[in-house]
């Protein structure tokens, strides 16, 4: 944990004070960090600030829980007046199954409500009402999906509003969640750093279940047994162009039928190996295998870990939000114009 207090005078950083619950040897290294930052142009990026720190550190400096890059990011966030997770009253939603199209719509509706200030920051855990392939906003439908295979298996194809790659999901075999957060929470972070920042809590939750997981740029969560999850984001502008909100959603493989996945997704076996197996004649089951827990217990422990970190209240999708989502599912997410917008 790194905290930075800083003033800006005449376009330069002044009176920089770095603090936190890190370990740093020798003691004078902290003064070297502060001196390196003092006088830097206020528009210096995180990488440039890290370079100044690297050049100023005494020989043999040892850091634990602290990096020059982390200090640079903390400075940028301080200058941008970024908020922290604990600045908000969080709401957690975990309700019954919805159709894939309604889930796509709920992500858009709830994040827009956060941007408008009508909804608090929200963690929503999904339950799937049907198997689905979800393609990224900019992917080619025909390049990603075997539509005949999808029809044969009764798999619905939907397009989400965020970028990234295609996902195959089945009820009971995946864990999907969304974070709808104010833009201020990731203020001062690069696009890549915002992924790591918003994924940090779930890495902690997995660690509590005995899984050593890490963030793998740009948008994967991995273990030593392979990829277990993929994330995607979408920024939504606030009313009248004001501060908006960020949608960050993650799908985690609990126990997926790999043969069926290959029937509906046009991916090679090398892709499948990234998801935890080298043979299509297996199941992609990293969370089930690595935790030894039922899916419901994994979700419960994830939510408990989130609450322990940031606090939260149980919430629900309001009747008004659900009505908006159902209408959006009908007029957008189930239409060929949207699903096949990149043929």
C-alpha atoms as a PDB file:
ATOM      1  CA  UNK A   1       0.000   0.000   0.000  1.00  0.00           C
ATOM      2  CA  UNK A   2       1.487   3.302  -1.125  1.00  0.00           C
ATOM      3  CA  UNK A   3       0.115   6.737  -0.236  1.00  0.00           C
ATOM      4  CA  UNK A   4       1.449   9.932  -1.795  1.00  0.00           C
ATOM      5  CA  UNK A   5       0.831  13.495  -0.643  1.00  0.00           C
ATOM      6  CA  UNK A   6       1.967  16.076  -3.153  1.00  0.00           C
ATOM      7  CA  UNK A   7       1.481  19.716  -4.064  1.00  0.00           C
ATOM      8  CA  UNK A   8       1.872  21.307  -7.489  1.00  0.00           C
ATOM      9  CA  UNK A   9       3.466  24.730  -7.879  1.00  0.00           C
ATOM     10  CA  UNK A  10       4.274  26.382 -11.209  1.00  0.00           C
ATOM     11  CA  UNK A  11       3.700  23.104 -13.028  1.00  0.00           C
ATOM     12  CA  UNK A  12       6.088  21.060 -10.868  1.00  0.00           C
ATOM     13  CA  UNK A  13       5.687  18.546  -8.027  1.00  0.00           C
ATOM     14  CA  UNK A  14       6.555  19.991  -4.634  1.00  0.00           C
ATOM     15  CA  UNK A  15       6.634  18.680  -1.038  1.00  0.00           C
ATOM     16  CA  UNK A  16       6.268  15.056  -2.141  1.00  0.00           C
ATOM     17  CA  UNK A  17       5.742  12.669   0.780  1.00  0.00           C
ATOM     18  CA  UNK A  18       5.595   8.911   0.092  1.00  0.00           C
ATOM     19  CA  UNK A  19       4.263   6.676   2.875  1.00  0.00           C
ATOM     20  CA  UNK A  20       2.676   3.258   3.325  1.00  0.00           C
ATOM     21  CA  UNK A  21       2.919  -0.197   4.854  1.00  0.00           C
ATOM     22  CA  UNK A  22       5.858  -1.296   2.717  1.00  0.00           C
ATOM     23  CA  UNK A  23       9.424  -2.317   3.640  1.00  0.00           C
ATOM     24  CA  UNK A  24      12.379  -0.311   2.397  1.00  0.00           C
ATOM     25  CA  UNK A  25      16.092  -0.552   3.162  1.00  0.00           C
ATOM     26  CA  UNK A  26      18.187   1.474   3.799  1.00  0.00           C
ATOM     27  CA  UNK A  27      16.182   4.150   5.630  1.00  0.00           C
ATOM     28  CA  UNK A  28      17.651   6.950   3.543  1.00  0.00           C
ATOM     29  CA  UNK A  29      16.110   5.413   0.420  1.00  0.00           C
ATOM     30  CA  UNK A  30      12.770   7.001   1.346  1.00  0.00           C
ATOM     31  CA  UNK A  31      14.319  10.463   1.334  1.00  0.00           C
ATOM     32  CA  UNK A  32      15.892   9.631  -2.029  1.00  0.00           C
ATOM     33  CA  UNK A  33      12.472   8.742  -3.440  1.00  0.00           C
ATOM     34  CA  UNK A  34      10.931  11.998  -2.217  1.00  0.00           C
ATOM     35  CA  UNK A  35      13.830  14.075  -3.539  1.00  0.00           C
ATOM     36  CA  UNK A  36      13.678  12.334  -6.928  1.00  0.00           C
ATOM     37  CA  UNK A  37      10.042  13.306  -7.349  1.00  0.00           C
ATOM     38  CA  UNK A  38      10.323  16.859  -6.034  1.00  0.00           C
ATOM     39  CA  UNK A  39      10.603  19.259  -8.949  1.00  0.00           C
ATOM     40  CA  UNK A  40       9.423  16.789 -11.600  1.00  0.00           C
ATOM     41  CA  UNK A  41       7.069  18.317 -14.182  1.00  0.00           C
ATOM     42  CA  UNK A  42       3.510  17.673 -13.009  1.00  0.00           C
ATOM     43  CA  UNK A  43       2.585  16.093 -16.344  1.00  0.00           C
ATOM     44  CA  UNK A  44       5.318  13.428 -16.124  1.00  0.00           C
ATOM     45  CA  UNK A  45       3.862   9.970 -16.688  1.00  0.00           C
ATOM     46  CA  UNK A  46       4.168   7.086 -14.255  1.00  0.00           C
ATOM     47  CA  UNK A  47       7.031   5.523 -16.245  1.00  0.00           C
ATOM     48  CA  UNK A  48       8.970   8.801 -16.227  1.00  0.00           C
ATOM     49  CA  UNK A  49       8.504   9.184 -12.474  1.00  0.00           C
ATOM     50  CA  UNK A  50       9.656   5.597 -11.945  1.00  0.00           C
ATOM     51  CA  UNK A  51      12.795   6.307 -13.988  1.00  0.00           C
ATOM     52  CA  UNK A  52      13.624   9.292 -11.759  1.00  0.00           C
ATOM     53  CA  UNK A  53      13.230   7.113  -8.661  1.00  0.00           C
ATOM     54  CA  UNK A  54      15.370   4.303 -10.115  1.00  0.00           C
ATOM     55  CA  UNK A  55      18.159   6.739 -10.859  1.00  0.00           C
ATOM     56  CA  UNK A  56      18.096   8.187  -7.329  1.00  0.00           C
ATOM     57  CA  UNK A  57      17.949   5.019  -5.194  1.00  0.00           C
ATOM     58  CA  UNK A  58      21.078   4.168  -3.184  1.00  0.00           C
ATOM     59  CA  UNK A  59      22.993   1.133  -4.373  1.00  0.00           C
ATOM     60  CA  UNK A  60      21.695  -2.062  -2.784  1.00  0.00           C
ATOM     61  CA  UNK A  61      18.213  -0.682  -2.040  1.00  0.00           C
ATOM     62  CA  UNK A  62      15.715  -3.419  -1.144  1.00  0.00           C
ATOM     63  CA  UNK A  63      11.982  -2.860  -1.642  1.00  0.00           C
ATOM     64  CA  UNK A  64       9.101  -5.085  -0.556  1.00  0.00           C
ATOM     65  CA  UNK A  65       5.510  -4.042  -1.178  1.00  0.00           C
ATOM     66  CA  UNK A  66       6.836  -1.056  -3.110  1.00  0.00           C
ATOM     67  CA  UNK A  67       8.164  -0.477  -6.618  1.00  0.00           C
ATOM     68  CA  UNK A  68       9.221   2.676  -8.455  1.00  0.00           C
ATOM     69  CA  UNK A  69       6.400   2.012 -10.945  1.00  0.00           C
ATOM     70  CA  UNK A  70       3.890   1.704  -8.093  1.00  0.00           C
ATOM     71  CA  UNK A  71       5.007   5.031  -6.644  1.00  0.00           C
ATOM     72  CA  UNK A  72       4.676   6.648 -10.072  1.00  0.00           C
ATOM     73  CA  UNK A  73       1.113   5.371 -10.407  1.00  0.00           C
ATOM     74  CA  UNK A  74       0.272   6.554  -6.883  1.00  0.00           C
ATOM     75  CA  UNK A  75       1.532  10.046  -7.768  1.00  0.00           C
ATOM     76  CA  UNK A  76      -0.578  10.152 -10.927  1.00  0.00           C
ATOM     77  CA  UNK A  77      -3.666   9.036  -8.988  1.00  0.00           C
ATOM     78  CA  UNK A  78      -3.022  11.650  -6.287  1.00  0.00           C
ATOM     79  CA  UNK A  79      -2.816  14.380  -8.928  1.00  0.00           C
ATOM     80  CA  UNK A  80      -6.012  13.145 -10.579  1.00  0.00           C
ATOM     81  CA  UNK A  81      -7.887  13.166  -7.237  1.00  0.00           C
ATOM     82  CA  UNK A  82      -8.681   9.486  -7.625  1.00  0.00           C
ATOM     83  CA  UNK A  83     -10.911   7.762  -5.114  1.00  0.00           C
ATOM     84  CA  UNK A  84     -10.363   4.509  -3.232  1.00  0.00           C
ATOM     85  CA  UNK A  85     -12.534   1.400  -2.890  1.00  0.00           C
ATOM     86  CA  UNK A  86     -13.310   2.283   0.722  1.00  0.00           C
ATOM     87  CA  UNK A  87     -14.642   5.714  -0.258  1.00  0.00           C
ATOM     88  CA  UNK A  88     -17.874   4.092  -1.461  1.00  0.00           C
ATOM     89  CA  UNK A  89     -20.872   2.243  -0.080  1.00  0.00           C
ATOM     90  CA  UNK A  90     -20.807  -0.876  -2.237  1.00  0.00           C
ATOM     91  CA  UNK A  91     -23.762  -2.975  -3.268  1.00  0.00           C
ATOM     92  CA  UNK A  92     -23.538  -6.693  -4.083  1.00  0.00           C
ATOM     93  CA  UNK A  93     -26.144  -8.303  -6.345  1.00  0.00           C
ATOM     94  CA  UNK A  94     -26.462 -12.075  -6.752  1.00  0.00           C
ATOM     95  CA  UNK A  95     -29.859 -12.979  -8.121  1.00  0.00           C
ATOM     96  CA  UNK A  96     -31.463 -15.758 -10.146  1.00  0.00           C
ATOM     97  CA  UNK A  97     -30.727 -16.697 -13.756  1.00  0.00           C
ATOM     98  CA  UNK A  98     -31.275 -14.337 -16.663  1.00  0.00           C
ATOM     99  CA  UNK A  99     -31.026 -14.896 -20.399  1.00  0.00           C
ATOM    100  CA  UNK A 100     -27.655 -14.063 -22.006  1.00  0.00           C
ATOM    101  CA  UNK A 101     -29.143 -11.045 -23.800  1.00  0.00           C
ATOM    102  CA  UNK A 102     -30.593  -9.628 -20.580  1.00  0.00           C
ATOM    103  CA  UNK A 103     -27.206 -10.031 -18.882  1.00  0.00           C
ATOM    104  CA  UNK A 104     -25.599  -8.002 -21.691  1.00  0.00           C
ATOM    105  CA  UNK A 105     -28.249  -5.332 -21.221  1.00  0.00           C
ATOM    106  CA  UNK A 106     -27.964  -5.286 -17.433  1.00  0.00           C
ATOM    107  CA  UNK A 107     -24.266  -4.512 -17.697  1.00  0.00           C
ATOM    108  CA  UNK A 108     -25.029  -1.475 -19.844  1.00  0.00           C
ATOM    109  CA  UNK A 109     -27.986  -0.300 -17.755  1.00  0.00           C
ATOM    110  CA  UNK A 110     -26.386  -0.664 -14.318  1.00  0.00           C
ATOM    111  CA  UNK A 111     -23.129   0.981 -15.379  1.00  0.00           C
ATOM    112  CA  UNK A 112     -25.043   3.888 -16.892  1.00  0.00           C
ATOM    113  CA  UNK A 113     -26.948   4.218 -13.607  1.00  0.00           C
ATOM    114  CA  UNK A 114     -23.634   4.385 -11.712  1.00  0.00           C
ATOM    115  CA  UNK A 115     -22.393   7.037 -14.152  1.00  0.00           C
ATOM    116  CA  UNK A 116     -25.546   9.053 -13.547  1.00  0.00           C
ATOM    117  CA  UNK A 117     -25.157   8.792  -9.758  1.00  0.00           C
ATOM    118  CA  UNK A 118     -28.435   6.916  -9.342  1.00  0.00           C
ATOM    119  CA  UNK A 119     -26.803   3.651  -8.278  1.00  0.00           C
ATOM    120  CA  UNK A 120     -23.874   3.003  -5.908  1.00  0.00           C
ATOM    121  CA  UNK A 121     -20.808   1.121  -7.158  1.00  0.00           C
ATOM    122  CA  UNK A 122     -21.939  -2.452  -7.682  1.00  0.00           C
ATOM    123  CA  UNK A 123     -20.545  -5.972  -7.790  1.00  0.00           C
ATOM    124  CA  UNK A 124     -22.993  -8.208  -9.669  1.00  0.00           C
ATOM    125  CA  UNK A 125     -22.526 -11.981  -9.805  1.00  0.00           C
ATOM    126  CA  UNK A 126     -24.340 -13.548 -12.745  1.00  0.00           C
ATOM    127  CA  UNK A 127     -26.385 -16.732 -13.014  1.00  0.00           C
ATOM    128  CA  UNK A 128     -26.836 -17.934 -16.580  1.00  0.00           C
ATOM    129  CA  UNK A 129     -30.271 -18.966 -17.817  1.00  0.00           C
ATOM    130  CA  UNK A 130     -28.916 -20.679 -20.948  1.00  0.00           C
ATOM    131  CA  UNK A 131     -25.598 -21.688 -22.560  1.00  0.00           C
ATOM    132  CA  UNK A 132     -24.066 -18.929 -24.648  1.00  0.00           C
ATOM    133  CA  UNK A 133     -21.186 -17.693 -26.708  1.00  0.00           C
ATOM    134  CA  UNK A 134     -20.376 -14.079 -25.921  1.00  0.00           C
ATOM    135  CA  UNK A 135     -18.275 -12.303 -28.531  1.00  0.00           C
ATOM    136  CA  UNK A 136     -16.414  -9.058 -28.054  1.00  0.00           C
ATOM    137  CA  UNK A 137     -17.808  -5.807 -29.361  1.00  0.00           C
ATOM    138  CA  UNK A 138     -15.414  -5.689 -32.324  1.00  0.00           C
ATOM    139  CA  UNK A 139     -15.083  -9.369 -33.225  1.00  0.00           C
ATOM    140  CA  UNK A 140     -16.241 -10.904 -36.501  1.00  0.00           C
ATOM    141  CA  UNK A 141     -19.211 -13.179 -35.910  1.00  0.00           C
ATOM    142  CA  UNK A 142     -18.306 -15.651 -38.647  1.00  0.00           C
ATOM    143  CA  UNK A 143     -14.637 -15.770 -37.648  1.00  0.00           C
ATOM    144  CA  UNK A 144     -15.387 -16.555 -34.008  1.00  0.00           C
ATOM    145  CA  UNK A 145     -18.513 -18.696 -33.993  1.00  0.00           C
ATOM    146  CA  UNK A 146     -19.511 -21.901 -35.749  1.00  0.00           C
ATOM    147  CA  UNK A 147     -23.179 -21.010 -36.035  1.00  0.00           C
ATOM    148  CA  UNK A 148     -24.188 -24.545 -37.032  1.00  0.00           C
ATOM    149  CA  UNK A 149     -22.419 -25.939 -33.964  1.00  0.00           C
ATOM    150  CA  UNK A 150     -24.121 -23.324 -31.800  1.00  0.00           C
ATOM    151  CA  UNK A 151     -27.543 -24.285 -33.167  1.00  0.00           C
ATOM    152  CA  UNK A 152     -26.828 -27.985 -32.676  1.00  0.00           C
ATOM    153  CA  UNK A 153     -26.010 -27.476 -29.011  1.00  0.00           C
ATOM    154  CA  UNK A 154     -28.726 -24.884 -28.321  1.00  0.00           C
ATOM    155  CA  UNK A 155     -26.149 -22.197 -27.607  1.00  0.00           C
ATOM    156  CA  UNK A 156     -27.255 -18.559 -27.875  1.00  0.00           C
ATOM    157  CA  UNK A 157     -24.822 -16.127 -29.495  1.00  0.00           C
ATOM    158  CA  UNK A 158     -24.705 -12.600 -28.093  1.00  0.00           C
ATOM    159  CA  UNK A 159     -22.374  -9.640 -28.515  1.00  0.00           C
ATOM    160  CA  UNK A 160     -21.305  -7.621 -25.483  1.00  0.00           C
ATOM    161  CA  UNK A 161     -20.483  -3.903 -25.322  1.00  0.00           C
ATOM    162  CA  UNK A 162     -16.853  -4.434 -24.257  1.00  0.00           C
ATOM    163  CA  UNK A 163     -13.945  -5.497 -26.434  1.00  0.00           C
ATOM    164  CA  UNK A 164     -11.808  -8.598 -26.105  1.00  0.00           C
ATOM    165  CA  UNK A 165     -12.285 -12.194 -27.121  1.00  0.00           C
ATOM    166  CA  UNK A 166     -15.065 -14.755 -27.317  1.00  0.00           C
ATOM    167  CA  UNK A 167     -16.233 -16.790 -24.307  1.00  0.00           C
ATOM    168  CA  UNK A 168     -18.221 -19.999 -24.028  1.00  0.00           C
ATOM    169  CA  UNK A 169     -20.428 -20.342 -20.945  1.00  0.00           C
ATOM    170  CA  UNK A 170     -22.861 -22.906 -19.572  1.00  0.00           C
ATOM    171  CA  UNK A 171     -25.110 -22.585 -16.522  1.00  0.00           C
ATOM    172  CA  UNK A 172     -23.348 -24.005 -13.503  1.00  0.00           C
ATOM    173  CA  UNK A 173     -19.979 -24.288 -15.246  1.00  0.00           C
ATOM    174  CA  UNK A 174     -18.717 -20.712 -15.233  1.00  0.00           C
ATOM    175  CA  UNK A 175     -18.511 -17.866 -12.731  1.00  0.00           C
ATOM    176  CA  UNK A 176     -19.149 -14.428 -14.185  1.00  0.00           C
ATOM    177  CA  UNK A 177     -19.225 -11.114 -12.356  1.00  0.00           C
ATOM    178  CA  UNK A 178     -19.374  -7.434 -13.230  1.00  0.00           C
ATOM    179  CA  UNK A 179     -18.044  -4.387 -11.457  1.00  0.00           C
ATOM    180  CA  UNK A 180     -19.817  -1.125 -12.304  1.00  0.00           C
ATOM    181  CA  UNK A 181     -17.670   1.611 -10.754  1.00  0.00           C
ATOM    182  CA  UNK A 182     -17.279   5.383 -10.931  1.00  0.00           C
ATOM    183  CA  UNK A 183     -14.565   6.522 -13.302  1.00  0.00           C
ATOM    184  CA  UNK A 184     -12.865   8.230 -10.358  1.00  0.00           C
ATOM    185  CA  UNK A 185     -11.915   4.831  -8.911  1.00  0.00           C
ATOM    186  CA  UNK A 186      -9.452   4.238 -11.760  1.00  0.00           C
ATOM    187  CA  UNK A 187      -8.532   7.877 -12.327  1.00  0.00           C
ATOM    188  CA  UNK A 188      -4.831   8.271 -13.063  1.00  0.00           C
ATOM    189  CA  UNK A 189      -4.382   4.621 -14.017  1.00  0.00           C
ATOM    190  CA  UNK A 190      -3.494   3.522 -17.519  1.00  0.00           C
ATOM    191  CA  UNK A 191      -5.955   1.220 -19.285  1.00  0.00           C
ATOM    192  CA  UNK A 192      -3.716  -1.776 -18.500  1.00  0.00           C
ATOM    193  CA  UNK A 193      -3.182  -0.780 -14.873  1.00  0.00           C
ATOM    194  CA  UNK A 194      -6.938  -0.411 -14.364  1.00  0.00           C
ATOM    195  CA  UNK A 195      -7.363  -4.104 -15.208  1.00  0.00           C
ATOM    196  CA  UNK A 196      -4.835  -5.116 -12.577  1.00  0.00           C
ATOM    197  CA  UNK A 197      -6.354  -2.744 -10.030  1.00  0.00           C
ATOM    198  CA  UNK A 198      -9.926  -3.958 -10.509  1.00  0.00           C
ATOM    199  CA  UNK A 199      -8.841  -7.626 -10.493  1.00  0.00           C
ATOM    200  CA  UNK A 200      -6.781  -7.363  -7.302  1.00  0.00           C
ATOM    201  CA  UNK A 201      -9.612  -8.294  -4.917  1.00  0.00           C
ATOM    202  CA  UNK A 202     -10.409 -11.521  -6.753  1.00  0.00           C
ATOM    203  CA  UNK A 203      -6.752 -12.556  -6.731  1.00  0.00           C
ATOM    204  CA  UNK A 204      -6.917 -12.197  -2.950  1.00  0.00           C
ATOM    205  CA  UNK A 205     -10.122 -14.223  -2.817  1.00  0.00           C
ATOM    206  CA  UNK A 206      -8.568 -16.999  -4.889  1.00  0.00           C
ATOM    207  CA  UNK A 207      -5.511 -16.962  -2.639  1.00  0.00           C
ATOM    208  CA  UNK A 208      -7.729 -17.521   0.382  1.00  0.00           C
ATOM    209  CA  UNK A 209      -9.024 -20.651  -1.392  1.00  0.00           C
ATOM    210  CA  UNK A 210      -5.499 -21.939  -1.958  1.00  0.00           C
ATOM    211  CA  UNK A 211      -5.050 -20.784  -5.562  1.00  0.00           C
ATOM    212  CA  UNK A 212      -1.941 -18.778  -6.353  1.00  0.00           C
ATOM    213  CA  UNK A 213      -3.223 -16.578  -9.158  1.00  0.00           C
ATOM    214  CA  UNK A 214      -1.856 -13.500 -10.852  1.00  0.00           C
ATOM    215  CA  UNK A 215      -2.849 -10.837 -13.328  1.00  0.00           C
ATOM    216  CA  UNK A 216      -1.470 -11.476 -16.816  1.00  0.00           C
ATOM    217  CA  UNK A 217      -1.616  -8.435 -19.119  1.00  0.00           C
ATOM    218  CA  UNK A 218      -3.790  -7.339 -20.682  1.00  0.00           C
ATOM    219  CA  UNK A 219      -6.877  -9.060 -19.408  1.00  0.00           C
ATOM    220  CA  UNK A 220      -6.218 -12.574 -18.093  1.00  0.00           C
ATOM    221  CA  UNK A 221      -6.064 -14.173 -14.666  1.00  0.00           C
ATOM    222  CA  UNK A 222      -3.670 -17.116 -14.634  1.00  0.00           C
ATOM    223  CA  UNK A 223      -2.223 -19.793 -12.367  1.00  0.00           C
ATOM    224  CA  UNK A 224       0.676 -22.167 -12.861  1.00  0.00           C
ATOM    225  CA  UNK A 225      -1.858 -24.525 -14.450  1.00  0.00           C
ATOM    226  CA  UNK A 226      -2.944 -22.016 -17.080  1.00  0.00           C
ATOM    227  CA  UNK A 227      -5.486 -19.288 -17.684  1.00  0.00           C
ATOM    228  CA  UNK A 228      -8.579 -19.435 -15.492  1.00  0.00           C
ATOM    229  CA  UNK A 229     -10.341 -16.178 -16.340  1.00  0.00           C
ATOM    230  CA  UNK A 230     -10.600 -13.345 -18.822  1.00  0.00           C
ATOM    231  CA  UNK A 231     -11.695  -9.755 -18.228  1.00  0.00           C
ATOM    232  CA  UNK A 232     -13.046  -6.967 -20.421  1.00  0.00           C
ATOM    233  CA  UNK A 233     -13.930  -3.317 -19.875  1.00  0.00           C
ATOM    234  CA  UNK A 234     -16.129  -0.578 -21.262  1.00  0.00           C
ATOM    235  CA  UNK A 235     -16.155   3.114 -20.352  1.00  0.00           C
ATOM    236  CA  UNK A 236     -19.560   4.812 -20.244  1.00  0.00           C
ATOM    237  CA  UNK A 237     -19.755   8.610 -20.372  1.00  0.00           C
ATOM    238  CA  UNK A 238     -21.747  10.381 -17.696  1.00  0.00           C
ATOM    239  CA  UNK A 239     -24.736  12.680 -18.270  1.00  0.00           C
ATOM    240  CA  UNK A 240     -23.913  15.753 -20.360  1.00  0.00           C
ATOM    241  CA  UNK A 241     -20.434  14.381 -20.998  1.00  0.00           C
ATOM    242  CA  UNK A 242     -19.452  14.532 -17.331  1.00  0.00           C
ATOM    243  CA  UNK A 243     -17.521  11.948 -15.288  1.00  0.00           C
ATOM    244  CA  UNK A 244     -18.670   8.493 -16.211  1.00  0.00           C
ATOM    245  CA  UNK A 245     -18.352   4.912 -15.048  1.00  0.00           C
ATOM    246  CA  UNK A 246     -16.367   1.804 -15.909  1.00  0.00           C
ATOM    247  CA  UNK A 247     -17.775  -1.648 -16.564  1.00  0.00           C
ATOM    248  CA  UNK A 248     -15.258  -4.386 -15.705  1.00  0.00           C
ATOM    249  CA  UNK A 249     -16.549  -7.912 -16.146  1.00  0.00           C
ATOM    250  CA  UNK A 250     -14.803 -11.266 -15.704  1.00  0.00           C
ATOM    251  CA  UNK A 251     -15.694 -14.818 -16.694  1.00  0.00           C
ATOM    252  CA  UNK A 252     -13.952 -17.623 -14.810  1.00  0.00           C
ATOM    253  CA  UNK A 253     -13.827 -21.260 -15.927  1.00  0.00           C
ATOM    254  CA  UNK A 254     -15.242 -23.544 -13.242  1.00  0.00           C
ATOM    255  CA  UNK A 255     -15.952 -26.730 -15.244  1.00  0.00           C
ATOM    256  CA  UNK A 256     -16.535 -26.432 -18.994  1.00  0.00           C
ATOM    257  CA  UNK A 257     -17.185 -29.105 -21.630  1.00  0.00           C
ATOM    258  CA  UNK A 258     -14.162 -28.633 -23.890  1.00  0.00           C
ATOM    259  CA  UNK A 259     -15.542 -30.727 -26.767  1.00  0.00           C
ATOM    260  CA  UNK A 260     -18.685 -28.631 -26.903  1.00  0.00           C
ATOM    261  CA  UNK A 261     -16.660 -25.434 -26.698  1.00  0.00           C
ATOM    262  CA  UNK A 262     -14.630 -26.482 -29.739  1.00  0.00           C
ATOM    263  CA  UNK A 263     -17.850 -27.258 -31.607  1.00  0.00           C
ATOM    264  CA  UNK A 264     -19.149 -23.711 -31.212  1.00  0.00           C
ATOM    265  CA  UNK A 265     -15.975 -21.606 -31.121  1.00  0.00           C
ATOM    266  CA  UNK A 266     -13.568 -21.441 -34.042  1.00  0.00           C
ATOM    267  CA  UNK A 267     -10.447 -21.729 -31.916  1.00  0.00           C
ATOM    268  CA  UNK A 268      -7.430 -23.986 -32.256  1.00  0.00           C
ATOM    269  CA  UNK A 269      -6.234 -26.499 -29.705  1.00  0.00           C
ATOM    270  CA  UNK A 270      -3.387 -24.170 -28.806  1.00  0.00           C
ATOM    271  CA  UNK A 271      -6.037 -21.741 -27.536  1.00  0.00           C
ATOM    272  CA  UNK A 272      -7.589 -24.483 -25.466  1.00  0.00           C
ATOM    273  CA  UNK A 273      -4.246 -25.145 -23.779  1.00  0.00           C
ATOM    274  CA  UNK A 274      -4.334 -21.569 -22.474  1.00  0.00           C
ATOM    275  CA  UNK A 275      -7.529 -22.462 -20.643  1.00  0.00           C
ATOM    276  CA  UNK A 276      -6.046 -25.279 -18.612  1.00  0.00           C
ATOM    277  CA  UNK A 277      -5.989 -28.408 -20.797  1.00  0.00           C
ATOM    278  CA  UNK A 278      -3.961 -29.716 -23.736  1.00  0.00           C
ATOM    279  CA  UNK A 279      -6.591 -32.051 -25.094  1.00  0.00           C
ATOM    280  CA  UNK A 280     -10.086 -31.339 -26.329  1.00  0.00           C
ATOM    281  CA  UNK A 281     -11.117 -34.631 -24.721  1.00  0.00           C
ATOM    282  CA  UNK A 282     -11.087 -33.038 -21.287  1.00  0.00           C
ATOM    283  CA  UNK A 283     -13.015 -30.492 -19.320  1.00  0.00           C
ATOM    284  CA  UNK A 284     -11.721 -27.008 -18.634  1.00  0.00           C
ATOM    285  CA  UNK A 285     -12.147 -27.177 -14.874  1.00  0.00           C
ATOM    286  CA  UNK A 286      -9.431 -25.170 -13.125  1.00  0.00           C
ATOM    287  CA  UNK A 287     -11.602 -23.693 -10.365  1.00  0.00           C
ATOM    288  CA  UNK A 288     -13.380 -26.947  -9.559  1.00  0.00           C
ATOM    289  CA  UNK A 289     -10.134 -28.916  -9.584  1.00  0.00           C
ATOM    290  CA  UNK A 290      -7.919 -26.386  -7.820  1.00  0.00           C
ATOM    291  CA  UNK A 291     -10.364 -25.445  -5.061  1.00  0.00           C
ATOM    292  CA  UNK A 292     -12.152 -28.768  -4.578  1.00  0.00           C
ATOM    293  CA  UNK A 293     -15.236 -26.678  -3.775  1.00  0.00           C
ATOM    294  CA  UNK A 294     -18.734 -26.602  -5.263  1.00  0.00           C
ATOM    295  CA  UNK A 295     -19.346 -23.631  -7.533  1.00  0.00           C
ATOM    296  CA  UNK A 296     -21.751 -22.036  -5.047  1.00  0.00           C
ATOM    297  CA  UNK A 297     -19.133 -22.209  -2.301  1.00  0.00           C
ATOM    298  CA  UNK A 298     -16.539 -20.539  -4.548  1.00  0.00           C
ATOM    299  CA  UNK A 299     -18.957 -17.669  -5.242  1.00  0.00           C
ATOM    300  CA  UNK A 300     -19.830 -17.345  -1.558  1.00  0.00           C
ATOM    301  CA  UNK A 301     -16.163 -17.131  -0.592  1.00  0.00           C
ATOM    302  CA  UNK A 302     -15.490 -14.564  -3.311  1.00  0.00           C
ATOM    303  CA  UNK A 303     -18.312 -12.350  -2.050  1.00  0.00           C
ATOM    304  CA  UNK A 304     -17.189 -12.794   1.572  1.00  0.00           C
ATOM    305  CA  UNK A 305     -13.662 -11.745   0.615  1.00  0.00           C
ATOM    306  CA  UNK A 306     -14.985  -8.661  -1.193  1.00  0.00           C
ATOM    307  CA  UNK A 307     -17.077  -7.696   1.841  1.00  0.00           C
ATOM    308  CA  UNK A 308     -14.131  -8.144   4.198  1.00  0.00           C
ATOM    309  CA  UNK A 309     -12.040  -5.782   2.095  1.00  0.00           C
ATOM    310  CA  UNK A 310     -14.494  -3.060   1.208  1.00  0.00           C
ATOM    311  CA  UNK A 311     -17.761  -3.638   3.039  1.00  0.00           C
ATOM    312  CA  UNK A 312     -21.026  -3.865   1.121  1.00  0.00           C
ATOM    313  CA  UNK A 313     -24.767  -4.213   1.410  1.00  0.00           C
ATOM    314  CA  UNK A 314     -26.955  -6.786  -0.297  1.00  0.00           C
ATOM    315  CA  UNK A 315     -28.694  -5.225  -3.262  1.00  0.00           C
ATOM    316  CA  UNK A 316     -30.996  -6.062  -6.133  1.00  0.00           C
ATOM    317  CA  UNK A 317     -31.719  -5.010  -9.660  1.00  0.00           C
ATOM    318  CA  UNK A 318     -34.608  -2.607  -9.300  1.00  0.00           C
ATOM    319  CA  UNK A 319     -37.844  -3.105 -11.214  1.00  0.00           C
ATOM    320  CA  UNK A 320     -37.047  -0.007 -13.264  1.00  0.00           C
ATOM    321  CA  UNK A 321     -33.534  -1.239 -14.114  1.00  0.00           C
ATOM    322  CA  UNK A 322     -34.834  -4.673 -15.095  1.00  0.00           C
ATOM    323  CA  UNK A 323     -37.497  -3.139 -17.318  1.00  0.00           C
ATOM    324  CA  UNK A 324     -34.857  -1.018 -19.053  1.00  0.00           C
ATOM    325  CA  UNK A 325     -32.618  -4.066 -19.500  1.00  0.00           C
ATOM    326  CA  UNK A 326     -35.404  -6.220 -20.926  1.00  0.00           C
ATOM    327  CA  UNK A 327     -36.296  -3.512 -23.412  1.00  0.00           C
ATOM    328  CA  UNK A 328     -32.631  -3.090 -24.370  1.00  0.00           C
ATOM    329  CA  UNK A 329     -32.277  -6.855 -24.793  1.00  0.00           C
ATOM    330  CA  UNK A 330     -35.264  -6.802 -27.154  1.00  0.00           C
ATOM    331  CA  UNK A 331     -34.244  -3.770 -29.198  1.00  0.00           C
ATOM    332  CA  UNK A 332     -30.468  -4.258 -29.265  1.00  0.00           C
ATOM    333  CA  UNK A 333     -28.880  -7.419 -27.898  1.00  0.00           C
ATOM    334  CA  UNK A 334     -31.138  -9.943 -29.668  1.00  0.00           C
ATOM    335  CA  UNK A 335     -31.133  -8.145 -33.022  1.00  0.00           C
ATOM    336  CA  UNK A 336     -29.056  -9.170 -36.051  1.00  0.00           C
ATOM    337  CA  UNK A 337     -28.034  -5.521 -36.478  1.00  0.00           C
ATOM    338  CA  UNK A 338     -26.112  -5.742 -33.202  1.00  0.00           C
ATOM    339  CA  UNK A 339     -25.052  -9.380 -33.063  1.00  0.00           C
ATOM    340  CA  UNK A 340     -23.792  -9.379 -36.653  1.00  0.00           C
ATOM    341  CA  UNK A 341     -22.626  -5.771 -36.762  1.00  0.00           C
ATOM    342  CA  UNK A 342     -19.188  -7.160 -37.615  1.00  0.00           C
ATOM    343  CA  UNK A 343     -20.284 -10.060 -39.865  1.00  0.00           C
END
